[in-house]
Amino acid sequence: MRYTGPKLKIVRNLGLQSLPAFTTKSQSKKNIKKKKRPKSFLFSNRLKEKQKIRYNFNINNNQLFNYLKKAKKISGLAAKNNAKTKKELIEIKNYLTAEQAGLSSSDFSNKNDKKQNNTPKDIQQLPRFKKNSKLNRLFLVSKSKQNFFLTSNINQIKKPANSNATKSLPEKNVGSTGDELIKLLESRFDSIIFRLYFAPTINMARQLISHGHFLINNKKVNIPSYHCNINDKITVRSKSKNLIEDLYSKIIQKNSLATKKRQKTNKKMKKYVNQMPFYLTLDRQNLAATINNEVSNYDSTIRFYYKSLKLRILYVIEFFSRQL
């Protein structure tokens, strides 16, 4: 069951001044009473960070846990693919540098093989030295100076300008589980409508979606947890254009008035008012939006939003670490 009780009470318990996706109300600093609270332990801190995400996106514990599972799988697969591409790039680099230096490529290709034991024979004959001791490391450095200088000189050689082999291989930016979790949550249909300022809160966005006011690629979608992809076009139904125009204009006016009052306290807020993320574009006349790029949490507006919440994603992962 979703929470339908007093919302400002939860914002106060989480130690925040406001939670915009959850409520339009905010707590003034004058009304905040400084009470002597007991010491905060690790479990309570982790639970608070989990509750911030849960109430912000209006999801259950099971839904959040399933999203975290998906994020872990995506980050693991991306790490494996990145490791494979790095090995291929190293092999190509050694092949190109060996051709310019006039050496054979076999001298370099055998170094990256896992089966080959690269430790010198002298170290295997020394029983006194332990494997991870300091003396063993110094011995390794002294014996491998020749190989070090050889590789450093070859790396200084410039690559050829027209090397199609290096361009063909993709370079993927691997994201952590926390980054991937926020990407999945921000790519939900209800959160995208909240970012487009069609609804003041995510709860309101859920209601508008369930009533069938929006279309994706000219198809009716009633599911607020629908995962939006690149090149998806979000449009408004013809009968409900007047309703969403009124909501859009009211939200922008309210945000602009709120920033004028808070200009003295928070000057950075002026930059991010009524500003959409870079992966969204809006046609104001037709009330049609498109997703141009992947949803990312590195956008300046989204970063500022999560900084205001003081969110620590690692605590959320640690909270569910035993179940994973």
C-alpha atoms as a PDB file:
ATOM      1  CA  MET A   1       0.000   0.000   0.000  1.00  0.00           C
ATOM      2  CA  ARG A   2       1.189   3.480  -0.872  1.00  0.00           C
ATOM      3  CA  TYR A   3       1.389   6.210   1.739  1.00  0.00           C
ATOM      4  CA  THR A   4      -1.647   8.542   1.895  1.00  0.00           C
ATOM      5  CA  GLY A   5      -1.139  10.166   5.310  1.00  0.00           C
ATOM      6  CA  PRO A   6       0.384  13.525   6.329  1.00  0.00           C
ATOM      7  CA  LYS A   7       3.348  14.249   4.063  1.00  0.00           C
ATOM      8  CA  LEU A   8       5.056  17.171   5.767  1.00  0.00           C
ATOM      9  CA  LYS A   9       5.501  14.978   8.831  1.00  0.00           C
ATOM     10  CA  ILE A  10       7.661  12.564   6.810  1.00  0.00           C
ATOM     11  CA  VAL A  11       9.738  15.429   5.398  1.00  0.00           C
ATOM     12  CA  ARG A  12      10.384  16.566   8.969  1.00  0.00           C
ATOM     13  CA  ASN A  13      11.363  13.068  10.104  1.00  0.00           C
ATOM     14  CA  LEU A  14      13.813  12.723   7.220  1.00  0.00           C
ATOM     15  CA  GLY A  15      15.494  15.972   8.296  1.00  0.00           C
ATOM     16  CA  LEU A  16      14.708  17.863   5.066  1.00  0.00           C
ATOM     17  CA  GLN A  17      13.217  21.262   4.378  1.00  0.00           C
ATOM     18  CA  SER A  18      11.305  20.084   1.302  1.00  0.00           C
ATOM     19  CA  LEU A  19      10.847  17.064  -0.954  1.00  0.00           C
ATOM     20  CA  PRO A  20       9.487  18.520  -4.230  1.00  0.00           C
ATOM     21  CA  ALA A  21       8.535  15.264  -5.969  1.00  0.00           C
ATOM     22  CA  PHE A  22       6.572  14.131  -2.906  1.00  0.00           C
ATOM     23  CA  THR A  23       4.793  17.368  -1.860  1.00  0.00           C
ATOM     24  CA  THR A  24       4.516  20.983  -2.946  1.00  0.00           C
ATOM     25  CA  LYS A  25       4.596  22.053   0.705  1.00  0.00           C
ATOM     26  CA  SER A  26       7.837  23.063   2.356  1.00  0.00           C
ATOM     27  CA  GLN A  27       8.922  23.561   5.921  1.00  0.00           C
ATOM     28  CA  SER A  28      10.176  27.019   6.911  1.00  0.00           C
ATOM     29  CA  LYS A  29      13.375  27.259   8.929  1.00  0.00           C
ATOM     30  CA  LYS A  30      11.620  29.210  11.692  1.00  0.00           C
ATOM     31  CA  ASN A  31       9.192  26.350  12.376  1.00  0.00           C
ATOM     32  CA  ILE A  32      11.958  23.763  12.628  1.00  0.00           C
ATOM     33  CA  LYS A  33      12.372  23.032  16.336  1.00  0.00           C
ATOM     34  CA  LYS A  34      15.784  21.948  17.503  1.00  0.00           C
ATOM     35  CA  LYS A  35      15.176  18.881  19.657  1.00  0.00           C
ATOM     36  CA  LYS A  36      17.720  16.718  21.380  1.00  0.00           C
ATOM     37  CA  ARG A  37      17.514  13.493  19.430  1.00  0.00           C
ATOM     38  CA  PRO A  38      19.348  10.270  20.256  1.00  0.00           C
ATOM     39  CA  LYS A  39      22.538   9.253  18.497  1.00  0.00           C
ATOM     40  CA  SER A  40      22.118   8.198  14.876  1.00  0.00           C
ATOM     41  CA  PHE A  41      23.433   4.714  14.143  1.00  0.00           C
ATOM     42  CA  LEU A  42      24.372   3.192  10.792  1.00  0.00           C
ATOM     43  CA  PHE A  43      21.096   1.317  10.405  1.00  0.00           C
ATOM     44  CA  SER A  44      19.019   4.459  11.006  1.00  0.00           C
ATOM     45  CA  ASN A  45      21.109   6.466   8.516  1.00  0.00           C
ATOM     46  CA  ARG A  46      20.753   3.780   5.848  1.00  0.00           C
ATOM     47  CA  LEU A  47      17.032   3.506   6.449  1.00  0.00           C
ATOM     48  CA  LYS A  48      16.616   7.285   6.059  1.00  0.00           C
ATOM     49  CA  GLU A  49      18.388   7.298   2.696  1.00  0.00           C
ATOM     50  CA  LYS A  50      16.238   4.397   1.519  1.00  0.00           C
ATOM     51  CA  GLN A  51      13.077   6.209   2.609  1.00  0.00           C
ATOM     52  CA  LYS A  52      14.103   9.343   0.689  1.00  0.00           C
ATOM     53  CA  ILE A  53      14.163   7.447  -2.609  1.00  0.00           C
ATOM     54  CA  ARG A  54      11.038   5.469  -1.776  1.00  0.00           C
ATOM     55  CA  TYR A  55       8.899   8.524  -1.005  1.00  0.00           C
ATOM     56  CA  ASN A  56      10.453  10.620  -3.760  1.00  0.00           C
ATOM     57  CA  PHE A  57       9.524   8.178  -6.546  1.00  0.00           C
ATOM     58  CA  ASN A  58       6.427   6.805  -4.730  1.00  0.00           C
ATOM     59  CA  ILE A  59       7.448   3.144  -4.943  1.00  0.00           C
ATOM     60  CA  ASN A  60       7.365   0.144  -2.597  1.00  0.00           C
ATOM     61  CA  ASN A  61      10.302  -1.643  -0.989  1.00  0.00           C
ATOM     62  CA  ASN A  62       9.928  -4.593  -3.357  1.00  0.00           C
ATOM     63  CA  GLN A  63       9.959  -2.324  -6.410  1.00  0.00           C
ATOM     64  CA  LEU A  64      13.088  -0.544  -5.185  1.00  0.00           C
ATOM     65  CA  PHE A  65      14.798  -3.876  -4.515  1.00  0.00           C
ATOM     66  CA  ASN A  66      13.976  -5.110  -8.039  1.00  0.00           C
ATOM     67  CA  TYR A  67      15.363  -1.905  -9.565  1.00  0.00           C
ATOM     68  CA  LEU A  68      18.552  -2.370  -7.543  1.00  0.00           C
ATOM     69  CA  LYS A  69      18.910  -5.940  -8.862  1.00  0.00           C
ATOM     70  CA  LYS A  70      18.630  -4.672 -12.446  1.00  0.00           C
ATOM     71  CA  ALA A  71      21.168  -1.922 -11.767  1.00  0.00           C
ATOM     72  CA  LYS A  72      23.646  -4.447 -10.373  1.00  0.00           C
ATOM     73  CA  LYS A  73      23.279  -6.668 -13.454  1.00  0.00           C
ATOM     74  CA  ILE A  74      23.767  -3.731 -15.837  1.00  0.00           C
ATOM     75  CA  SER A  75      26.876  -2.491 -14.030  1.00  0.00           C
ATOM     76  CA  GLY A  76      28.338  -6.024 -13.940  1.00  0.00           C
ATOM     77  CA  LEU A  77      27.785  -6.636 -17.662  1.00  0.00           C
ATOM     78  CA  ALA A  78      29.208  -3.218 -18.526  1.00  0.00           C
ATOM     79  CA  ALA A  79      32.336  -3.924 -16.470  1.00  0.00           C
ATOM     80  CA  LYS A  80      32.909  -7.248 -18.281  1.00  0.00           C
ATOM     81  CA  ASN A  81      32.486  -5.659 -21.718  1.00  0.00           C
ATOM     82  CA  ASN A  82      34.830  -2.819 -20.771  1.00  0.00           C
ATOM     83  CA  ALA A  83      37.500  -5.297 -19.653  1.00  0.00           C
ATOM     84  CA  LYS A  84      37.271  -7.153 -22.987  1.00  0.00           C
ATOM     85  CA  THR A  85      37.608  -3.954 -25.015  1.00  0.00           C
ATOM     86  CA  LYS A  86      40.631  -2.859 -22.966  1.00  0.00           C
ATOM     87  CA  LYS A  87      42.430  -6.130 -23.730  1.00  0.00           C
ATOM     88  CA  GLU A  88      41.719  -5.775 -27.445  1.00  0.00           C
ATOM     89  CA  LEU A  89      42.961  -2.177 -27.444  1.00  0.00           C
ATOM     90  CA  ILE A  90      46.207  -3.194 -25.698  1.00  0.00           C
ATOM     91  CA  GLU A  91      46.832  -5.926 -28.292  1.00  0.00           C
ATOM     92  CA  ILE A  92      46.242  -3.507 -31.186  1.00  0.00           C
ATOM     93  CA  LYS A  93      48.469  -0.883 -29.572  1.00  0.00           C
ATOM     94  CA  ASN A  94      51.329  -3.371 -29.132  1.00  0.00           C
ATOM     95  CA  TYR A  95      50.939  -4.587 -32.723  1.00  0.00           C
ATOM     96  CA  LEU A  96      51.107  -1.052 -34.159  1.00  0.00           C
ATOM     97  CA  THR A  97      54.047   0.026 -31.996  1.00  0.00           C
ATOM     98  CA  ALA A  98      55.969  -3.172 -32.782  1.00  0.00           C
ATOM     99  CA  GLU A  99      55.643  -2.571 -36.523  1.00  0.00           C
ATOM    100  CA  GLN A 100      57.069   0.959 -36.204  1.00  0.00           C
ATOM    101  CA  ALA A 101      59.897  -0.120 -33.888  1.00  0.00           C
ATOM    102  CA  GLY A 102      60.816  -2.998 -36.234  1.00  0.00           C
ATOM    103  CA  LEU A 103      60.064  -5.676 -33.664  1.00  0.00           C
ATOM    104  CA  SER A 104      57.907  -8.789 -33.944  1.00  0.00           C
ATOM    105  CA  SER A 105      54.386  -8.665 -32.507  1.00  0.00           C
ATOM    106  CA  SER A 106      54.906 -12.022 -30.737  1.00  0.00           C
ATOM    107  CA  ASP A 107      57.190 -10.363 -28.163  1.00  0.00           C
ATOM    108  CA  PHE A 108      54.272  -8.201 -26.990  1.00  0.00           C
ATOM    109  CA  SER A 109      51.280 -10.478 -27.465  1.00  0.00           C
ATOM    110  CA  ASN A 110      52.583 -13.128 -25.073  1.00  0.00           C
ATOM    111  CA  LYS A 111      52.775 -10.653 -22.187  1.00  0.00           C
ATOM    112  CA  ASN A 112      49.002 -10.317 -21.891  1.00  0.00           C
ATOM    113  CA  ASP A 113      48.319 -14.074 -21.731  1.00  0.00           C
ATOM    114  CA  LYS A 114      47.060 -15.274 -18.363  1.00  0.00           C
ATOM    115  CA  LYS A 115      48.439 -18.824 -18.666  1.00  0.00           C
ATOM    116  CA  GLN A 116      52.050 -17.699 -19.042  1.00  0.00           C
ATOM    117  CA  ASN A 117      53.958 -17.188 -15.764  1.00  0.00           C
ATOM    118  CA  ASN A 118      55.761 -13.829 -16.129  1.00  0.00           C
ATOM    119  CA  THR A 119      57.684 -14.121 -12.816  1.00  0.00           C
ATOM    120  CA  PRO A 120      61.434 -14.620 -13.356  1.00  0.00           C
ATOM    121  CA  LYS A 121      63.057 -17.960 -12.544  1.00  0.00           C
ATOM    122  CA  ASP A 122      65.391 -16.411  -9.967  1.00  0.00           C
ATOM    123  CA  ILE A 123      62.463 -15.533  -7.688  1.00  0.00           C
ATOM    124  CA  GLN A 124      61.099 -19.071  -7.793  1.00  0.00           C
ATOM    125  CA  GLN A 125      64.464 -20.337  -6.510  1.00  0.00           C
ATOM    126  CA  LEU A 126      64.376 -18.047  -3.433  1.00  0.00           C
ATOM    127  CA  PRO A 127      62.422 -19.737  -0.591  1.00  0.00           C
ATOM    128  CA  ARG A 128      63.215 -17.020   1.969  1.00  0.00           C
ATOM    129  CA  PHE A 129      61.171 -14.304   0.300  1.00  0.00           C
ATOM    130  CA  LYS A 130      57.416 -14.340   0.740  1.00  0.00           C
ATOM    131  CA  LYS A 131      55.161 -13.573  -2.222  1.00  0.00           C
ATOM    132  CA  ASN A 132      53.790 -10.246  -0.936  1.00  0.00           C
ATOM    133  CA  SER A 133      56.848  -9.079   1.060  1.00  0.00           C
ATOM    134  CA  LYS A 134      58.679  -5.791   0.460  1.00  0.00           C
ATOM    135  CA  LEU A 135      61.969  -7.518  -0.407  1.00  0.00           C
ATOM    136  CA  ASN A 136      60.276  -9.568  -3.085  1.00  0.00           C
ATOM    137  CA  ARG A 137      58.785  -6.415  -4.630  1.00  0.00           C
ATOM    138  CA  LEU A 138      62.166  -4.648  -4.660  1.00  0.00           C
ATOM    139  CA  PHE A 139      63.715  -7.707  -6.291  1.00  0.00           C
ATOM    140  CA  LEU A 140      61.007  -7.703  -8.943  1.00  0.00           C
ATOM    141  CA  VAL A 141      61.595  -4.015  -9.719  1.00  0.00           C
ATOM    142  CA  SER A 142      65.345  -4.440 -10.000  1.00  0.00           C
ATOM    143  CA  LYS A 143      65.017  -7.463 -12.330  1.00  0.00           C
ATOM    144  CA  SER A 144      62.310  -5.903 -14.510  1.00  0.00           C
ATOM    145  CA  LYS A 145      64.013  -2.554 -15.201  1.00  0.00           C
ATOM    146  CA  GLN A 146      64.996  -3.539 -18.727  1.00  0.00           C
ATOM    147  CA  ASN A 147      61.432  -4.468 -19.686  1.00  0.00           C
ATOM    148  CA  PHE A 148      60.126  -1.267 -18.082  1.00  0.00           C
ATOM    149  CA  PHE A 149      62.378   1.053 -20.070  1.00  0.00           C
ATOM    150  CA  LEU A 150      61.672  -0.882 -23.263  1.00  0.00           C
ATOM    151  CA  THR A 151      57.896  -0.515 -22.905  1.00  0.00           C
ATOM    152  CA  SER A 152      58.111   3.150 -21.849  1.00  0.00           C
ATOM    153  CA  ASN A 153      60.138   4.073 -24.932  1.00  0.00           C
ATOM    154  CA  ILE A 154      57.718   2.237 -27.229  1.00  0.00           C
ATOM    155  CA  ASN A 155      54.684   3.955 -25.676  1.00  0.00           C
ATOM    156  CA  GLN A 156      56.209   7.337 -26.552  1.00  0.00           C
ATOM    157  CA  ILE A 157      56.065   6.469 -30.263  1.00  0.00           C
ATOM    158  CA  LYS A 158      53.167   8.237 -31.976  1.00  0.00           C
ATOM    159  CA  LYS A 159      50.349   6.188 -33.457  1.00  0.00           C
ATOM    160  CA  PRO A 160      49.608   6.424 -37.185  1.00  0.00           C
ATOM    161  CA  ALA A 161      46.977   8.984 -38.155  1.00  0.00           C
ATOM    162  CA  ASN A 162      44.824   6.592 -40.176  1.00  0.00           C
ATOM    163  CA  SER A 163      44.398   3.669 -37.759  1.00  0.00           C
ATOM    164  CA  ASN A 164      40.921   2.294 -38.425  1.00  0.00           C
ATOM    165  CA  ALA A 165      41.432  -0.592 -36.007  1.00  0.00           C
ATOM    166  CA  THR A 166      41.423   1.649 -32.918  1.00  0.00           C
ATOM    167  CA  LYS A 167      38.407   3.671 -34.054  1.00  0.00           C
ATOM    168  CA  SER A 168      36.211   0.648 -34.641  1.00  0.00           C
ATOM    169  CA  LEU A 169      36.351  -0.528 -31.010  1.00  0.00           C
ATOM    170  CA  PRO A 170      33.790   1.180 -28.728  1.00  0.00           C
ATOM    171  CA  GLU A 171      34.701   2.834 -25.411  1.00  0.00           C
ATOM    172  CA  LYS A 172      31.927   2.451 -22.828  1.00  0.00           C
ATOM    173  CA  ASN A 173      31.635   4.557 -19.692  1.00  0.00           C
ATOM    174  CA  VAL A 174      30.907   2.053 -16.952  1.00  0.00           C
ATOM    175  CA  GLY A 175      28.452   3.269 -14.323  1.00  0.00           C
ATOM    176  CA  SER A 176      28.270   2.098 -10.735  1.00  0.00           C
ATOM    177  CA  THR A 177      25.177   0.419  -9.301  1.00  0.00           C
ATOM    178  CA  GLY A 178      24.083   3.663  -7.657  1.00  0.00           C
ATOM    179  CA  ASP A 179      24.303   5.587 -10.929  1.00  0.00           C
ATOM    180  CA  GLU A 180      22.441   2.878 -12.811  1.00  0.00           C
ATOM    181  CA  LEU A 181      19.746   2.784 -10.123  1.00  0.00           C
ATOM    182  CA  ILE A 182      19.035   6.504 -10.522  1.00  0.00           C
ATOM    183  CA  LYS A 183      18.994   6.111 -14.313  1.00  0.00           C
ATOM    184  CA  LEU A 184      16.334   3.414 -14.082  1.00  0.00           C
ATOM    185  CA  LEU A 185      14.209   5.448 -11.679  1.00  0.00           C
ATOM    186  CA  GLU A 186      14.528   8.654 -13.708  1.00  0.00           C
ATOM    187  CA  SER A 187      13.556   6.828 -16.920  1.00  0.00           C
ATOM    188  CA  ARG A 188      10.145   5.916 -15.480  1.00  0.00           C
ATOM    189  CA  PHE A 189       7.183   7.492 -17.260  1.00  0.00           C
ATOM    190  CA  ASP A 190       5.901   9.334 -14.178  1.00  0.00           C
ATOM    191  CA  SER A 191       9.297  10.844 -13.320  1.00  0.00           C
ATOM    192  CA  ILE A 192       9.788  12.093 -16.903  1.00  0.00           C
ATOM    193  CA  ILE A 193       6.419  13.866 -16.813  1.00  0.00           C
ATOM    194  CA  PHE A 194       7.487  15.456 -13.523  1.00  0.00           C
ATOM    195  CA  ARG A 195      10.713  16.679 -15.193  1.00  0.00           C
ATOM    196  CA  LEU A 196       8.689  18.135 -18.085  1.00  0.00           C
ATOM    197  CA  TYR A 197       6.664  20.246 -15.579  1.00  0.00           C
ATOM    198  CA  PHE A 198       3.384  18.683 -16.683  1.00  0.00           C
ATOM    199  CA  ALA A 199       2.665  17.768 -13.044  1.00  0.00           C
ATOM    200  CA  PRO A 200       3.718  19.401  -9.740  1.00  0.00           C
ATOM    201  CA  THR A 201       4.529  16.058  -8.067  1.00  0.00           C
ATOM    202  CA  ILE A 202       5.108  12.436  -9.053  1.00  0.00           C
ATOM    203  CA  ASN A 203       1.879  11.445  -7.293  1.00  0.00           C
ATOM    204  CA  MET A 204      -0.020  13.832  -9.573  1.00  0.00           C
ATOM    205  CA  ALA A 205       1.867  12.469 -12.592  1.00  0.00           C
ATOM    206  CA  ARG A 206       0.796   8.925 -11.684  1.00  0.00           C
ATOM    207  CA  GLN A 207      -2.829  10.019 -11.551  1.00  0.00           C
ATOM    208  CA  LEU A 208      -2.665  11.787 -14.921  1.00  0.00           C
ATOM    209  CA  ILE A 209      -1.036   8.750 -16.548  1.00  0.00           C
ATOM    210  CA  SER A 210      -3.547   6.298 -15.093  1.00  0.00           C
ATOM    211  CA  HIS A 211      -6.422   8.442 -16.441  1.00  0.00           C
ATOM    212  CA  GLY A 212      -4.909   8.203 -19.936  1.00  0.00           C
ATOM    213  CA  HIS A 213      -3.993  11.842 -20.619  1.00  0.00           C
ATOM    214  CA  PHE A 214      -0.649  11.031 -22.316  1.00  0.00           C
ATOM    215  CA  LEU A 215       0.499   9.057 -25.362  1.00  0.00           C
ATOM    216  CA  ILE A 216       3.854   7.473 -26.196  1.00  0.00           C
ATOM    217  CA  ASN A 217       4.525   7.102 -29.937  1.00  0.00           C
ATOM    218  CA  ASN A 218       0.793   7.724 -30.602  1.00  0.00           C
ATOM    219  CA  LYS A 219      -0.214   4.860 -28.293  1.00  0.00           C
ATOM    220  CA  LYS A 220      -2.100   5.130 -25.029  1.00  0.00           C
ATOM    221  CA  VAL A 221      -0.041   4.142 -21.962  1.00  0.00           C
ATOM    222  CA  ASN A 222      -1.698   3.789 -18.542  1.00  0.00           C
ATOM    223  CA  ILE A 223       1.323   2.403 -16.677  1.00  0.00           C
ATOM    224  CA  PRO A 224       3.314   4.976 -14.660  1.00  0.00           C
ATOM    225  CA  SER A 225       6.264   2.569 -14.224  1.00  0.00           C
ATOM    226  CA  TYR A 226       6.715   2.243 -18.022  1.00  0.00           C
ATOM    227  CA  HIS A 227      10.414   2.394 -18.969  1.00  0.00           C
ATOM    228  CA  CYS A 228      10.971   5.142 -21.541  1.00  0.00           C
ATOM    229  CA  ASN A 229      13.677   4.709 -24.188  1.00  0.00           C
ATOM    230  CA  ILE A 230      15.562   6.935 -26.607  1.00  0.00           C
ATOM    231  CA  ASN A 231      13.584   8.520 -29.477  1.00  0.00           C
ATOM    232  CA  ASP A 232      10.278   8.061 -27.649  1.00  0.00           C
ATOM    233  CA  LYS A 233       7.754  10.835 -28.363  1.00  0.00           C
ATOM    234  CA  ILE A 234       5.448  11.870 -25.517  1.00  0.00           C
ATOM    235  CA  THR A 235       2.315  13.741 -26.572  1.00  0.00           C
ATOM    236  CA  VAL A 236      -0.859  14.912 -24.864  1.00  0.00           C
ATOM    237  CA  ARG A 237      -4.299  13.653 -25.778  1.00  0.00           C
ATOM    238  CA  SER A 238      -6.366  16.210 -27.728  1.00  0.00           C
ATOM    239  CA  LYS A 239      -9.149  16.323 -25.118  1.00  0.00           C
ATOM    240  CA  SER A 240      -6.791  16.996 -22.198  1.00  0.00           C
ATOM    241  CA  LYS A 241      -4.568  19.728 -23.703  1.00  0.00           C
ATOM    242  CA  ASN A 242      -6.320  22.553 -21.854  1.00  0.00           C
ATOM    243  CA  LEU A 243      -5.866  20.811 -18.505  1.00  0.00           C
ATOM    244  CA  ILE A 244      -2.124  20.274 -18.936  1.00  0.00           C
ATOM    245  CA  GLU A 245      -1.535  23.777 -20.321  1.00  0.00           C
ATOM    246  CA  ASP A 246      -3.046  25.206 -17.136  1.00  0.00           C
ATOM    247  CA  LEU A 247      -0.918  22.937 -14.960  1.00  0.00           C
ATOM    248  CA  TYR A 248       2.264  23.772 -16.895  1.00  0.00           C
ATOM    249  CA  SER A 249       1.726  27.538 -16.648  1.00  0.00           C
ATOM    250  CA  LYS A 250       0.888  27.378 -12.925  1.00  0.00           C
ATOM    251  CA  ILE A 251       3.965  25.312 -12.078  1.00  0.00           C
ATOM    252  CA  ILE A 252       6.325  27.677 -13.919  1.00  0.00           C
ATOM    253  CA  GLN A 253       4.792  30.764 -12.296  1.00  0.00           C
ATOM    254  CA  LYS A 254       5.026  29.188  -8.852  1.00  0.00           C
ATOM    255  CA  ASN A 255       8.671  28.216  -9.335  1.00  0.00           C
ATOM    256  CA  SER A 256       9.625  31.697 -10.536  1.00  0.00           C
ATOM    257  CA  LEU A 257       7.918  33.348  -7.540  1.00  0.00           C
ATOM    258  CA  ALA A 258       9.597  30.955  -5.112  1.00  0.00           C
ATOM    259  CA  THR A 259      13.057  31.788  -6.469  1.00  0.00           C
ATOM    260  CA  LYS A 260      12.536  35.541  -6.064  1.00  0.00           C
ATOM    261  CA  LYS A 261      11.942  35.002  -2.355  1.00  0.00           C
ATOM    262  CA  ARG A 262      14.978  32.729  -2.002  1.00  0.00           C
ATOM    263  CA  GLN A 263      17.464  34.747  -4.067  1.00  0.00           C
ATOM    264  CA  LYS A 264      19.268  35.989  -0.970  1.00  0.00           C
ATOM    265  CA  THR A 265      19.535  32.592   0.711  1.00  0.00           C
ATOM    266  CA  ASN A 266      20.251  30.376  -2.306  1.00  0.00           C
ATOM    267  CA  LYS A 267      21.739  32.052  -5.386  1.00  0.00           C
ATOM    268  CA  LYS A 268      22.408  28.781  -7.254  1.00  0.00           C
ATOM    269  CA  MET A 269      18.683  27.997  -7.432  1.00  0.00           C
ATOM    270  CA  LYS A 270      18.198  30.810  -9.969  1.00  0.00           C
ATOM    271  CA  LYS A 271      20.151  28.833 -12.617  1.00  0.00           C
ATOM    272  CA  TYR A 272      18.111  25.643 -12.383  1.00  0.00           C
ATOM    273  CA  VAL A 273      14.589  27.073 -12.156  1.00  0.00           C
ATOM    274  CA  ASN A 274      12.246  25.849 -14.919  1.00  0.00           C
ATOM    275  CA  GLN A 275      15.208  24.167 -16.623  1.00  0.00           C
ATOM    276  CA  MET A 276      14.794  20.704 -18.122  1.00  0.00           C
ATOM    277  CA  PRO A 277      17.469  18.010 -18.375  1.00  0.00           C
ATOM    278  CA  PHE A 278      19.513  17.880 -21.577  1.00  0.00           C
ATOM    279  CA  TYR A 279      18.010  14.534 -22.635  1.00  0.00           C
ATOM    280  CA  LEU A 280      14.504  16.078 -22.967  1.00  0.00           C
ATOM    281  CA  THR A 281      13.199  18.565 -25.542  1.00  0.00           C
ATOM    282  CA  LEU A 282       9.766  20.157 -25.363  1.00  0.00           C
ATOM    283  CA  ASP A 283       7.599  21.719 -28.072  1.00  0.00           C
ATOM    284  CA  ARG A 284       5.666  24.316 -26.064  1.00  0.00           C
ATOM    285  CA  GLN A 285       2.917  24.973 -28.623  1.00  0.00           C
ATOM    286  CA  ASN A 286       1.993  21.337 -29.289  1.00  0.00           C
ATOM    287  CA  LEU A 287       2.933  20.079 -25.789  1.00  0.00           C
ATOM    288  CA  ALA A 288       5.046  17.302 -27.305  1.00  0.00           C
ATOM    289  CA  ALA A 289       8.353  16.058 -25.892  1.00  0.00           C
ATOM    290  CA  THR A 290      11.081  13.735 -27.171  1.00  0.00           C
ATOM    291  CA  ILE A 291      13.854  11.821 -25.407  1.00  0.00           C
ATOM    292  CA  ASN A 292      17.006  12.603 -27.403  1.00  0.00           C
ATOM    293  CA  ASN A 293      19.679  10.918 -25.282  1.00  0.00           C
ATOM    294  CA  GLU A 294      20.022   8.379 -22.511  1.00  0.00           C
ATOM    295  CA  VAL A 295      18.736   9.360 -19.114  1.00  0.00           C
ATOM    296  CA  SER A 296      21.749  10.363 -17.016  1.00  0.00           C
ATOM    297  CA  ASN A 297      22.271  11.564 -13.477  1.00  0.00           C
ATOM    298  CA  TYR A 298      25.263  13.689 -14.544  1.00  0.00           C
ATOM    299  CA  ASP A 299      22.962  16.465 -15.711  1.00  0.00           C
ATOM    300  CA  SER A 300      23.356  19.721 -13.759  1.00  0.00           C
ATOM    301  CA  THR A 301      19.650  20.047 -12.896  1.00  0.00           C
ATOM    302  CA  ILE A 302      19.386  16.479 -11.580  1.00  0.00           C
ATOM    303  CA  ARG A 303      22.619  16.819  -9.635  1.00  0.00           C
ATOM    304  CA  PHE A 304      21.350  19.995  -7.971  1.00  0.00           C
ATOM    305  CA  TYR A 305      18.079  18.260  -7.121  1.00  0.00           C
ATOM    306  CA  TYR A 306      19.801  15.333  -5.372  1.00  0.00           C
ATOM    307  CA  LYS A 307      22.207  17.661  -3.578  1.00  0.00           C
ATOM    308  CA  SER A 308      19.233  19.471  -2.076  1.00  0.00           C
ATOM    309  CA  LEU A 309      17.967  16.100  -0.791  1.00  0.00           C
ATOM    310  CA  LYS A 310      21.441  15.285   0.629  1.00  0.00           C
ATOM    311  CA  LEU A 311      21.121  11.806  -0.816  1.00  0.00           C
ATOM    312  CA  ARG A 312      23.819   9.166  -0.194  1.00  0.00           C
ATOM    313  CA  ILE A 313      23.241   6.294  -2.598  1.00  0.00           C
ATOM    314  CA  LEU A 314      25.851   3.995  -1.088  1.00  0.00           C
ATOM    315  CA  TYR A 315      23.781   3.767   2.084  1.00  0.00           C
ATOM    316  CA  VAL A 316      20.811   2.553   0.024  1.00  0.00           C
ATOM    317  CA  ILE A 317      22.925  -0.220  -1.526  1.00  0.00           C
ATOM    318  CA  GLU A 318      24.297  -1.171   1.892  1.00  0.00           C
ATOM    319  CA  PHE A 319      20.761  -1.404   3.280  1.00  0.00           C
ATOM    320  CA  PHE A 320      19.828  -4.095   0.708  1.00  0.00           C
ATOM    321  CA  SER A 321      23.288  -5.740   0.601  1.00  0.00           C
ATOM    322  CA  ARG A 322      22.256  -8.797   2.651  1.00  0.00           C
ATOM    323  CA  GLN A 323      19.307  -9.558   0.375  1.00  0.00           C
ATOM    324  CA  LEU A 324      21.305  -9.207  -2.851  1.00  0.00           C
END
